[in-house]
Amino acid sequence: MVVKSATKKKLMDLGIAENYAHTLADDKKWDDVKILAAVEIAQLCETDSDTAETIKATIEAAIKKDE
């Protein structure tokens, strides 16, 4: 798998921790990450649901800002 550096950078610029950004950007474009559910984020990042919800909320805030 290849980490998409642009996706990782965008996630990190949003304030998401590097380890989570790296995992989420693994073979995924920004458009792929945007549609992930919090449950999927929790599974991919091997984290708890609260952290996954926070990551999802951060991504959704960025999407709304871009609209």
C-alpha atoms as a PDB file:
ATOM      1  CA  MET A   1       0.000   0.000   0.000  1.00  0.00           C
ATOM      2  CA  VAL A   2       1.081   3.540  -0.717  1.00  0.00           C
ATOM      3  CA  VAL A   3       0.380   6.491   1.544  1.00  0.00           C
ATOM      4  CA  LYS A   4      -1.067   9.378  -0.443  1.00  0.00           C
ATOM      5  CA  SER A   5       1.071  12.270   0.762  1.00  0.00           C
ATOM      6  CA  ALA A   6      -1.418  14.975  -0.269  1.00  0.00           C
ATOM      7  CA  THR A   7      -4.170  13.258   1.707  1.00  0.00           C
ATOM      8  CA  LYS A   8      -1.911  12.801   4.730  1.00  0.00           C
ATOM      9  CA  LYS A   9      -0.846  16.456   4.591  1.00  0.00           C
ATOM     10  CA  LYS A  10      -4.449  17.658   4.345  1.00  0.00           C
ATOM     11  CA  LEU A  11      -5.446  15.558   7.362  1.00  0.00           C
ATOM     12  CA  MET A  12      -2.462  16.797   9.370  1.00  0.00           C
ATOM     13  CA  ASP A  13      -3.231  20.403   8.372  1.00  0.00           C
ATOM     14  CA  LEU A  14      -6.693  19.861   9.851  1.00  0.00           C
ATOM     15  CA  GLY A  15      -5.065  18.917  13.157  1.00  0.00           C
ATOM     16  CA  ILE A  16      -5.358  15.137  12.944  1.00  0.00           C
ATOM     17  CA  ALA A  17      -2.436  13.331  14.584  1.00  0.00           C
ATOM     18  CA  GLU A  18       0.237  12.077  12.202  1.00  0.00           C
ATOM     19  CA  ASN A  19      -0.248   8.411  13.054  1.00  0.00           C
ATOM     20  CA  TYR A  20      -3.990   8.594  12.271  1.00  0.00           C
ATOM     21  CA  ALA A  21      -3.405  10.716   9.163  1.00  0.00           C
ATOM     22  CA  HIS A  22      -0.839   8.195   7.933  1.00  0.00           C
ATOM     23  CA  THR A  23      -3.235   5.291   8.451  1.00  0.00           C
ATOM     24  CA  LEU A  24      -6.189   7.050   6.837  1.00  0.00           C
ATOM     25  CA  ALA A  25      -4.119   8.148   3.834  1.00  0.00           C
ATOM     26  CA  ASP A  26      -2.891   4.608   3.208  1.00  0.00           C
ATOM     27  CA  ASP A  27      -3.932   3.974  -0.408  1.00  0.00           C
ATOM     28  CA  LYS A  28      -6.781   6.512  -0.133  1.00  0.00           C
ATOM     29  CA  LYS A  29      -7.427   9.834  -1.809  1.00  0.00           C
ATOM     30  CA  TRP A  30      -9.108  12.694   0.067  1.00  0.00           C
ATOM     31  CA  ASP A  31     -12.442  11.804  -1.580  1.00  0.00           C
ATOM     32  CA  ASP A  32     -12.121   8.265  -0.189  1.00  0.00           C
ATOM     33  CA  VAL A  33     -11.391   9.534   3.324  1.00  0.00           C
ATOM     34  CA  LYS A  34     -14.273  12.031   3.293  1.00  0.00           C
ATOM     35  CA  ILE A  35     -16.870   9.276   2.996  1.00  0.00           C
ATOM     36  CA  LEU A  36     -15.552   7.047   5.777  1.00  0.00           C
ATOM     37  CA  ALA A  37     -17.925   6.502   8.673  1.00  0.00           C
ATOM     38  CA  ALA A  38     -16.674   6.961  12.237  1.00  0.00           C
ATOM     39  CA  VAL A  39     -16.880   3.196  12.750  1.00  0.00           C
ATOM     40  CA  GLU A  40     -14.599   2.641   9.759  1.00  0.00           C
ATOM     41  CA  ILE A  41     -12.174   5.269  11.030  1.00  0.00           C
ATOM     42  CA  ALA A  42     -12.083   3.534  14.431  1.00  0.00           C
ATOM     43  CA  GLN A  43     -11.334   0.189  12.782  1.00  0.00           C
ATOM     44  CA  LEU A  44      -8.672   1.554  10.427  1.00  0.00           C
ATOM     45  CA  CYS A  45      -6.931   3.599  13.121  1.00  0.00           C
ATOM     46  CA  GLU A  46      -7.446   0.947  15.805  1.00  0.00           C
ATOM     47  CA  THR A  47      -8.802   3.559  18.179  1.00  0.00           C
ATOM     48  CA  ASP A  48     -11.841   4.134  20.386  1.00  0.00           C
ATOM     49  CA  SER A  49     -15.141   5.472  19.094  1.00  0.00           C
ATOM     50  CA  ASP A  50     -14.715   8.892  20.758  1.00  0.00           C
ATOM     51  CA  THR A  51     -11.434   9.515  18.951  1.00  0.00           C
ATOM     52  CA  ALA A  52     -12.934   8.290  15.683  1.00  0.00           C
ATOM     53  CA  GLU A  53     -15.928  10.604  16.141  1.00  0.00           C
ATOM     54  CA  THR A  54     -13.566  13.538  16.719  1.00  0.00           C
ATOM     55  CA  ILE A  55     -11.620  12.709  13.549  1.00  0.00           C
ATOM     56  CA  LYS A  56     -14.875  12.358  11.571  1.00  0.00           C
ATOM     57  CA  ALA A  57     -16.154  15.697  12.913  1.00  0.00           C
ATOM     58  CA  THR A  58     -12.884  17.382  11.914  1.00  0.00           C
ATOM     59  CA  ILE A  59     -13.139  15.958   8.391  1.00  0.00           C
ATOM     60  CA  GLU A  60     -16.799  16.989   8.083  1.00  0.00           C
ATOM     61  CA  ALA A  61     -16.006  20.526   9.261  1.00  0.00           C
ATOM     62  CA  ALA A  62     -13.347  20.758   6.533  1.00  0.00           C
ATOM     63  CA  ILE A  63     -15.828  19.519   3.922  1.00  0.00           C
ATOM     64  CA  LYS A  64     -18.393  22.157   4.933  1.00  0.00           C
ATOM     65  CA  LYS A  65     -15.714  24.844   4.870  1.00  0.00           C
ATOM     66  CA  ASP A  66     -14.744  23.854   1.309  1.00  0.00           C
ATOM     67  CA  GLU A  67     -18.320  24.013   0.021  1.00  0.00           C
END
